[in-house]
Amino acid sequence: MEIRQILENKRSFLPLLLLGDEQEDMIARYLDLGTLLALYDGGVLRTVAVVTDEGGGVFELKNLATEPRSQRQGYGRAMVEHIAAVCRGRGTRLLAGTGDSPLTIPFYERLGFRESHRVKNFFTDHYDHPIYEAGRQLTDMAYLAMEL
């Protein structure tokens, strides 16, 4: 496994980034401001993530997406653990914003995140179409935090 920082042609990763955030203009808001990381295994792209420095020792995981055939094989976990290790020397807190979904919240909790706060109606106010996960429409953004 190898994790690379992507400095050029970030938009070429959009097909995978759109799995983590379904709306391209939302990704455009943070892609150039953030650090894009790509995890490869056997020379094959498996997972991508975008992390931003929010200031004051706080980093935010804005997007985490694993290629569907590579899901549930530890690639997302490996990426989050890598990000936490890198941020640990530079900050005190790592945030992850996600929909209130039974698929994502437990994943982050297993990695040591705990709910921090919520942004009411985030998905209905900021997306041009309804977002569904696990058969349920997402409305609020749940922020989870990991103390570094």
N, C-alpha and C. Protein backbone atom coordinates (compact mmCIF):
# COMPACT_ATOMS: atom_id res chain seq x y z
N MET A 1 0.85 -1.18 0.00
CA MET A 1 0.00 0.00 0.00
C MET A 1 0.89 1.24 0.00
N GLU A 2 0.47 2.23 -0.79
CA GLU A 2 1.21 3.48 -0.88
C GLU A 2 0.20 4.63 -0.91
N ILE A 3 0.45 5.65 -0.10
CA ILE A 3 -0.39 6.84 -0.10
C ILE A 3 0.43 7.99 -0.67
N ARG A 4 -0.11 8.61 -1.71
CA ARG A 4 0.58 9.71 -2.39
C ARG A 4 -0.23 10.99 -2.24
N GLN A 5 0.50 12.10 -2.07
CA GLN A 5 -0.15 13.40 -2.12
C GLN A 5 -0.22 13.81 -3.59
N ILE A 6 -1.40 14.24 -4.01
CA ILE A 6 -1.63 14.63 -5.39
C ILE A 6 -1.56 16.16 -5.47
N LEU A 7 -0.63 16.66 -6.28
CA LEU A 7 -0.44 18.10 -6.39
C LEU A 7 -0.98 18.68 -7.69
N GLU A 8 -1.09 17.86 -8.71
CA GLU A 8 -1.55 18.34 -10.01
C GLU A 8 -2.71 17.48 -10.51
N ASN A 9 -3.47 18.04 -11.42
CA ASN A 9 -4.59 17.32 -12.04
C ASN A 9 -5.54 16.70 -11.01
N LYS A 10 -5.84 17.45 -9.97
CA LYS A 10 -6.73 16.94 -8.93
C LYS A 10 -8.10 16.55 -9.47
N ARG A 11 -8.57 17.29 -10.46
CA ARG A 11 -9.90 17.01 -11.00
C ARG A 11 -9.98 15.67 -11.72
N SER A 12 -8.85 15.09 -12.07
CA SER A 12 -8.88 13.77 -12.71
C SER A 12 -9.36 12.70 -11.72
N PHE A 13 -9.41 13.02 -10.43
CA PHE A 13 -9.87 12.09 -9.40
C PHE A 13 -11.36 12.27 -9.10
N LEU A 14 -12.02 13.18 -9.84
CA LEU A 14 -13.44 13.45 -9.60
C LEU A 14 -14.33 12.22 -9.62
N PRO A 15 -14.16 11.28 -10.56
CA PRO A 15 -15.07 10.12 -10.53
C PRO A 15 -15.10 9.41 -9.18
N LEU A 16 -13.96 9.29 -8.53
CA LEU A 16 -13.93 8.64 -7.22
C LEU A 16 -14.39 9.61 -6.13
N LEU A 17 -13.98 10.87 -6.19
CA LEU A 17 -14.41 11.86 -5.20
C LEU A 17 -15.93 12.00 -5.17
N LEU A 18 -16.57 11.83 -6.32
CA LEU A 18 -18.03 11.95 -6.37
C LEU A 18 -18.75 10.84 -5.61
N LEU A 19 -18.05 9.77 -5.28
CA LEU A 19 -18.64 8.73 -4.42
C LEU A 19 -18.76 9.22 -2.98
N GLY A 20 -17.84 10.09 -2.58
CA GLY A 20 -17.84 10.62 -1.21
C GLY A 20 -18.65 11.89 -1.06
N ASP A 21 -18.87 12.58 -2.17
CA ASP A 21 -19.62 13.84 -2.17
C ASP A 21 -20.24 13.94 -3.55
N GLU A 22 -21.55 13.76 -3.64
CA GLU A 22 -22.24 13.57 -4.92
C GLU A 22 -22.34 14.79 -5.82
N GLN A 23 -21.95 15.96 -5.36
CA GLN A 23 -22.17 17.16 -6.15
C GLN A 23 -20.84 17.85 -6.46
N GLU A 24 -20.55 17.96 -7.74
CA GLU A 24 -19.25 18.47 -8.19
C GLU A 24 -18.96 19.88 -7.69
N ASP A 25 -19.95 20.77 -7.68
CA ASP A 25 -19.66 22.13 -7.23
C ASP A 25 -19.36 22.17 -5.73
N MET A 26 -19.84 21.22 -4.96
CA MET A 26 -19.47 21.14 -3.54
C MET A 26 -18.01 20.71 -3.40
N ILE A 27 -17.58 19.75 -4.20
CA ILE A 27 -16.18 19.31 -4.18
C ILE A 27 -15.28 20.46 -4.60
N ALA A 28 -15.70 21.24 -5.59
CA ALA A 28 -14.90 22.36 -6.07
C ALA A 28 -14.62 23.37 -4.97
N ARG A 29 -15.49 23.45 -3.97
CA ARG A 29 -15.30 24.41 -2.87
C ARG A 29 -14.08 24.08 -2.01
N TYR A 30 -13.69 22.82 -1.95
CA TYR A 30 -12.58 22.45 -1.07
C TYR A 30 -11.41 21.75 -1.76
N LEU A 31 -11.59 21.30 -2.97
CA LEU A 31 -10.55 20.49 -3.61
C LEU A 31 -9.23 21.23 -3.76
N ASP A 32 -9.27 22.46 -4.27
CA ASP A 32 -8.02 23.20 -4.47
C ASP A 32 -7.45 23.73 -3.16
N LEU A 33 -8.28 23.92 -2.16
CA LEU A 33 -7.81 24.41 -0.86
C LEU A 33 -7.23 23.30 0.00
N GLY A 34 -7.62 22.07 -0.29
CA GLY A 34 -7.24 20.95 0.56
C GLY A 34 -6.08 20.15 0.01
N THR A 35 -5.65 19.21 0.81
CA THR A 35 -4.63 18.24 0.42
C THR A 35 -5.35 17.00 -0.07
N LEU A 36 -5.07 16.62 -1.31
CA LEU A 36 -5.66 15.42 -1.91
C LEU A 36 -4.68 14.28 -1.76
N LEU A 37 -5.15 13.19 -1.17
CA LEU A 37 -4.33 11.99 -0.98
C LEU A 37 -4.98 10.83 -1.74
N ALA A 38 -4.13 9.99 -2.31
CA ALA A 38 -4.61 8.82 -3.05
C ALA A 38 -3.88 7.59 -2.54
N LEU A 39 -4.64 6.57 -2.21
CA LEU A 39 -4.08 5.30 -1.73
C LEU A 39 -4.11 4.30 -2.88
N TYR A 40 -2.94 3.75 -3.16
CA TYR A 40 -2.78 2.74 -4.21
C TYR A 40 -2.35 1.43 -3.56
N ASP A 41 -2.85 0.35 -4.08
CA ASP A 41 -2.43 -0.98 -3.65
C ASP A 41 -2.26 -1.82 -4.90
N GLY A 42 -1.08 -2.37 -5.06
CA GLY A 42 -0.80 -3.14 -6.27
C GLY A 42 -0.86 -2.27 -7.52
N GLY A 43 -0.55 -0.96 -7.35
CA GLY A 43 -0.59 -0.04 -8.47
C GLY A 43 -1.98 0.41 -8.86
N VAL A 44 -2.99 -0.02 -8.12
CA VAL A 44 -4.39 0.31 -8.43
C VAL A 44 -4.89 1.34 -7.42
N LEU A 45 -5.54 2.40 -7.92
CA LEU A 45 -6.14 3.40 -7.05
C LEU A 45 -7.30 2.77 -6.28
N ARG A 46 -7.26 2.88 -4.96
CA ARG A 46 -8.30 2.28 -4.11
C ARG A 46 -9.14 3.33 -3.38
N THR A 47 -8.48 4.34 -2.82
CA THR A 47 -9.15 5.31 -1.96
C THR A 47 -8.56 6.70 -2.17
N VAL A 48 -9.42 7.71 -2.07
CA VAL A 48 -8.98 9.10 -2.09
C VAL A 48 -9.54 9.82 -0.87
N ALA A 49 -8.87 10.90 -0.50
CA ALA A 49 -9.34 11.73 0.61
C ALA A 49 -8.87 13.16 0.39
N VAL A 50 -9.67 14.10 0.87
CA VAL A 50 -9.28 15.50 0.86
C VAL A 50 -9.35 16.00 2.30
N VAL A 51 -8.26 16.64 2.73
CA VAL A 51 -8.16 17.16 4.09
C VAL A 51 -7.83 18.64 4.01
N THR A 52 -8.52 19.46 4.82
CA THR A 52 -8.23 20.88 4.87
C THR A 52 -7.73 21.27 6.25
N ASP A 53 -6.90 22.30 6.27
CA ASP A 53 -6.43 22.89 7.52
C ASP A 53 -7.40 24.02 7.84
N GLU A 54 -8.18 23.85 8.89
CA GLU A 54 -9.20 24.83 9.27
C GLU A 54 -8.66 25.89 10.20
N GLY A 55 -7.38 25.80 10.57
CA GLY A 55 -6.78 26.76 11.48
C GLY A 55 -6.98 26.38 12.93
N GLY A 56 -6.17 26.96 13.79
CA GLY A 56 -6.30 26.71 15.22
C GLY A 56 -6.06 25.27 15.62
N GLY A 57 -5.27 24.54 14.82
CA GLY A 57 -4.96 23.16 15.14
C GLY A 57 -6.04 22.17 14.73
N VAL A 58 -7.03 22.63 13.94
CA VAL A 58 -8.14 21.77 13.52
C VAL A 58 -7.99 21.44 12.03
N PHE A 59 -8.09 20.16 11.71
CA PHE A 59 -8.10 19.67 10.34
C PHE A 59 -9.46 19.04 10.09
N GLU A 60 -9.88 19.08 8.81
CA GLU A 60 -11.17 18.47 8.49
C GLU A 60 -11.03 17.54 7.30
N LEU A 61 -11.51 16.34 7.48
CA LEU A 61 -11.59 15.35 6.41
C LEU A 61 -12.86 15.69 5.63
N LYS A 62 -12.68 16.26 4.44
CA LYS A 62 -13.82 16.75 3.65
C LYS A 62 -14.40 15.67 2.75
N ASN A 63 -13.57 14.72 2.35
CA ASN A 63 -14.04 13.69 1.42
C ASN A 63 -13.21 12.43 1.66
N LEU A 64 -13.86 11.32 1.71
CA LEU A 64 -13.21 10.02 1.81
C LEU A 64 -14.03 9.08 0.94
N ALA A 65 -13.38 8.49 -0.06
CA ALA A 65 -14.11 7.60 -0.97
C ALA A 65 -13.23 6.44 -1.38
N THR A 66 -13.81 5.26 -1.34
CA THR A 66 -13.12 4.03 -1.76
C THR A 66 -13.85 3.45 -2.95
N GLU A 67 -13.07 3.07 -3.93
CA GLU A 67 -13.60 2.44 -5.15
C GLU A 67 -14.49 1.28 -4.72
N PRO A 68 -15.70 1.17 -5.26
CA PRO A 68 -16.67 0.18 -4.77
C PRO A 68 -16.15 -1.25 -4.64
N ARG A 69 -15.38 -1.73 -5.59
CA ARG A 69 -14.89 -3.13 -5.49
C ARG A 69 -13.81 -3.29 -4.42
N SER A 70 -13.31 -2.17 -3.90
CA SER A 70 -12.27 -2.22 -2.87
C SER A 70 -12.80 -1.89 -1.48
N GLN A 71 -14.10 -1.64 -1.36
CA GLN A 71 -14.67 -1.30 -0.06
C GLN A 71 -14.65 -2.51 0.87
N ARG A 72 -14.62 -2.19 2.16
CA ARG A 72 -14.63 -3.20 3.24
C ARG A 72 -13.38 -4.09 3.23
N GLN A 73 -12.28 -3.51 2.73
CA GLN A 73 -11.00 -4.23 2.72
C GLN A 73 -9.93 -3.49 3.51
N GLY A 74 -10.33 -2.45 4.27
CA GLY A 74 -9.40 -1.74 5.14
C GLY A 74 -8.72 -0.53 4.52
N TYR A 75 -9.06 -0.19 3.28
CA TYR A 75 -8.41 0.95 2.63
C TYR A 75 -8.86 2.28 3.23
N GLY A 76 -10.14 2.44 3.50
CA GLY A 76 -10.62 3.67 4.13
C GLY A 76 -10.02 3.85 5.51
N ARG A 77 -9.98 2.77 6.27
CA ARG A 77 -9.37 2.81 7.60
C ARG A 77 -7.90 3.21 7.51
N ALA A 78 -7.17 2.61 6.58
CA ALA A 78 -5.74 2.91 6.41
C ALA A 78 -5.55 4.39 6.06
N MET A 79 -6.43 4.92 5.22
CA MET A 79 -6.31 6.34 4.84
C MET A 79 -6.57 7.24 6.03
N VAL A 80 -7.62 6.98 6.80
CA VAL A 80 -7.94 7.81 7.96
C VAL A 80 -6.82 7.71 9.00
N GLU A 81 -6.30 6.53 9.23
CA GLU A 81 -5.19 6.38 10.20
C GLU A 81 -3.95 7.15 9.73
N HIS A 82 -3.68 7.14 8.44
CA HIS A 82 -2.55 7.91 7.88
C HIS A 82 -2.77 9.41 8.11
N ILE A 83 -3.96 9.88 7.79
CA ILE A 83 -4.28 11.30 7.96
C ILE A 83 -4.16 11.70 9.42
N ALA A 84 -4.69 10.90 10.32
CA ALA A 84 -4.60 11.22 11.75
C ALA A 84 -3.15 11.28 12.21
N ALA A 85 -2.33 10.36 11.74
CA ALA A 85 -0.91 10.35 12.12
C ALA A 85 -0.20 11.61 11.62
N VAL A 86 -0.48 12.01 10.40
CA VAL A 86 0.16 13.21 9.84
C VAL A 86 -0.32 14.46 10.57
N CYS A 87 -1.62 14.55 10.82
CA CYS A 87 -2.18 15.73 11.49
C CYS A 87 -1.79 15.80 12.96
N ARG A 88 -1.55 14.66 13.57
CA ARG A 88 -1.24 14.60 14.99
C ARG A 88 -0.04 15.49 15.35
N GLY A 89 0.94 15.55 14.50
CA GLY A 89 2.11 16.38 14.78
C GLY A 89 1.89 17.85 14.51
N ARG A 90 0.76 18.20 13.90
CA ARG A 90 0.52 19.59 13.50
C ARG A 90 -0.74 20.19 14.09
N GLY A 91 -1.57 19.37 14.71
CA GLY A 91 -2.83 19.89 15.23
C GLY A 91 -3.33 19.10 16.42
N THR A 92 -4.54 19.45 16.86
CA THR A 92 -5.10 18.81 18.05
C THR A 92 -6.42 18.10 17.79
N ARG A 93 -7.01 18.38 16.60
CA ARG A 93 -8.35 17.81 16.35
C ARG A 93 -8.54 17.55 14.86
N LEU A 94 -9.15 16.39 14.57
CA LEU A 94 -9.51 16.04 13.19
C LEU A 94 -11.03 15.88 13.15
N LEU A 95 -11.67 16.64 12.28
CA LEU A 95 -13.12 16.58 12.10
C LEU A 95 -13.46 15.80 10.84
N ALA A 96 -14.61 15.17 10.85
CA ALA A 96 -15.16 14.52 9.65
C ALA A 96 -16.64 14.86 9.62
N GLY A 97 -17.07 15.50 8.54
CA GLY A 97 -18.48 15.81 8.37
C GLY A 97 -19.11 14.77 7.47
N THR A 98 -20.25 14.25 7.88
CA THR A 98 -20.89 13.18 7.11
C THR A 98 -22.40 13.23 7.33
N GLY A 99 -23.10 12.54 6.49
CA GLY A 99 -24.53 12.41 6.70
C GLY A 99 -24.81 11.48 7.87
N ASP A 100 -25.94 11.67 8.49
CA ASP A 100 -26.34 10.82 9.61
C ASP A 100 -26.82 9.49 9.05
N SER A 101 -25.86 8.62 8.80
CA SER A 101 -26.16 7.35 8.14
C SER A 101 -25.63 6.17 8.95
N PRO A 102 -26.38 5.08 8.97
CA PRO A 102 -25.90 3.89 9.67
C PRO A 102 -24.71 3.24 8.96
N LEU A 103 -24.38 3.69 7.76
CA LEU A 103 -23.21 3.16 7.05
C LEU A 103 -21.93 3.91 7.40
N THR A 104 -22.03 5.21 7.66
CA THR A 104 -20.81 5.99 7.87
C THR A 104 -20.50 6.32 9.32
N ILE A 105 -21.49 6.65 10.10
CA ILE A 105 -21.24 7.01 11.51
C ILE A 105 -20.50 5.89 12.25
N PRO A 106 -20.95 4.63 12.18
CA PRO A 106 -20.22 3.57 12.89
C PRO A 106 -18.78 3.39 12.39
N PHE A 107 -18.54 3.61 11.10
CA PHE A 107 -17.17 3.51 10.57
C PHE A 107 -16.26 4.49 11.29
N TYR A 108 -16.68 5.74 11.38
CA TYR A 108 -15.86 6.75 12.05
C TYR A 108 -15.74 6.49 13.55
N GLU A 109 -16.81 6.03 14.17
CA GLU A 109 -16.75 5.74 15.61
C GLU A 109 -15.75 4.62 15.90
N ARG A 110 -15.69 3.61 15.03
CA ARG A 110 -14.71 2.52 15.24
C ARG A 110 -13.27 3.04 15.15
N LEU A 111 -13.08 4.16 14.46
CA LEU A 111 -11.74 4.74 14.32
C LEU A 111 -11.41 5.71 15.45
N GLY A 112 -12.35 5.93 16.36
CA GLY A 112 -12.08 6.80 17.51
C GLY A 112 -12.72 8.18 17.44
N PHE A 113 -13.56 8.43 16.43
CA PHE A 113 -14.28 9.69 16.34
C PHE A 113 -15.50 9.65 17.25
N ARG A 114 -15.89 10.82 17.75
CA ARG A 114 -17.10 10.97 18.54
C ARG A 114 -17.87 12.16 18.01
N GLU A 115 -19.21 12.10 18.10
CA GLU A 115 -19.99 13.21 17.56
C GLU A 115 -19.65 14.51 18.27
N SER A 116 -19.45 15.55 17.47
CA SER A 116 -19.11 16.88 17.97
C SER A 116 -20.31 17.81 17.90
N HIS A 117 -20.88 17.93 16.71
CA HIS A 117 -22.03 18.82 16.52
C HIS A 117 -22.70 18.50 15.19
N ARG A 118 -23.82 19.16 14.94
CA ARG A 118 -24.56 18.95 13.69
C ARG A 118 -24.87 20.29 13.04
N VAL A 119 -24.96 20.26 11.72
CA VAL A 119 -25.43 21.43 10.97
C VAL A 119 -26.79 21.04 10.40
N LYS A 120 -27.82 21.65 10.96
CA LYS A 120 -29.20 21.34 10.60
C LYS A 120 -29.46 21.64 9.12
N ASN A 121 -30.11 20.71 8.45
CA ASN A 121 -30.55 20.85 7.06
C ASN A 121 -29.42 21.10 6.05
N PHE A 122 -28.21 20.71 6.38
CA PHE A 122 -27.07 20.97 5.48
C PHE A 122 -27.31 20.39 4.09
N PHE A 123 -27.73 19.15 4.03
CA PHE A 123 -27.87 18.50 2.73
C PHE A 123 -29.06 19.04 1.94
N THR A 124 -30.12 19.40 2.61
CA THR A 124 -31.28 19.94 1.89
C THR A 124 -31.04 21.39 1.48
N ASP A 125 -30.22 22.13 2.23
CA ASP A 125 -29.95 23.54 1.91
C ASP A 125 -28.85 23.73 0.87
N HIS A 126 -27.89 22.80 0.80
CA HIS A 126 -26.70 23.02 -0.04
C HIS A 126 -26.60 22.13 -1.27
N TYR A 127 -27.45 21.16 -1.41
CA TYR A 127 -27.37 20.26 -2.56
C TYR A 127 -28.58 20.46 -3.45
N ASP A 128 -28.37 20.32 -4.76
CA ASP A 128 -29.45 20.57 -5.71
C ASP A 128 -30.36 19.36 -5.93
N HIS A 129 -30.11 18.30 -5.19
CA HIS A 129 -30.96 17.11 -5.29
C HIS A 129 -30.93 16.38 -3.94
N PRO A 130 -31.93 15.59 -3.64
CA PRO A 130 -31.93 14.83 -2.39
C PRO A 130 -30.80 13.79 -2.39
N ILE A 131 -30.16 13.62 -1.25
CA ILE A 131 -29.08 12.64 -1.09
C ILE A 131 -29.63 11.51 -0.22
N TYR A 132 -29.49 10.29 -0.71
CA TYR A 132 -29.97 9.12 0.03
C TYR A 132 -28.80 8.21 0.33
N GLU A 133 -28.82 7.65 1.52
CA GLU A 133 -27.85 6.63 1.90
C GLU A 133 -28.57 5.62 2.75
N ALA A 134 -28.34 4.35 2.45
CA ALA A 134 -29.00 3.25 3.16
C ALA A 134 -30.52 3.42 3.14
N GLY A 135 -31.05 3.92 2.02
CA GLY A 135 -32.48 4.07 1.85
C GLY A 135 -33.12 5.23 2.60
N ARG A 136 -32.28 6.11 3.15
CA ARG A 136 -32.79 7.22 3.95
C ARG A 136 -32.26 8.55 3.42
N GLN A 137 -33.11 9.56 3.33
CA GLN A 137 -32.66 10.87 2.87
C GLN A 137 -31.84 11.54 3.96
N LEU A 138 -30.68 12.06 3.55
CA LEU A 138 -29.82 12.79 4.48
C LEU A 138 -30.29 14.23 4.56
N THR A 139 -30.37 14.76 5.76
CA THR A 139 -30.73 16.17 5.94
C THR A 139 -29.61 16.90 6.69
N ASP A 140 -29.30 16.46 7.91
CA ASP A 140 -28.29 17.15 8.72
C ASP A 140 -26.89 16.61 8.46
N MET A 141 -25.92 17.50 8.56
CA MET A 141 -24.51 17.10 8.52
C MET A 141 -24.09 16.81 9.96
N ALA A 142 -23.60 15.60 10.19
CA ALA A 142 -23.08 15.24 11.51
C ALA A 142 -21.57 15.41 11.47
N TYR A 143 -21.06 16.19 12.40
CA TYR A 143 -19.61 16.35 12.51
C TYR A 143 -19.11 15.45 13.63
N LEU A 144 -18.11 14.68 13.29
CA LEU A 144 -17.47 13.81 14.28
C LEU A 144 -16.05 14.33 14.49
N ALA A 145 -15.54 14.16 15.67
CA ALA A 145 -14.20 14.69 16.00
C ALA A 145 -13.34 13.61 16.61
N MET A 146 -12.07 13.66 16.24
CA MET A 146 -11.05 12.81 16.83
C MET A 146 -10.02 13.73 17.46
N GLU A 147 -9.80 13.56 18.74
CA GLU A 147 -8.76 14.35 19.40
C GLU A 147 -7.41 13.75 19.03
N LEU A 148 -6.51 14.61 18.58
CA LEU A 148 -5.20 14.14 18.17
C LEU A 148 -4.24 14.28 19.32
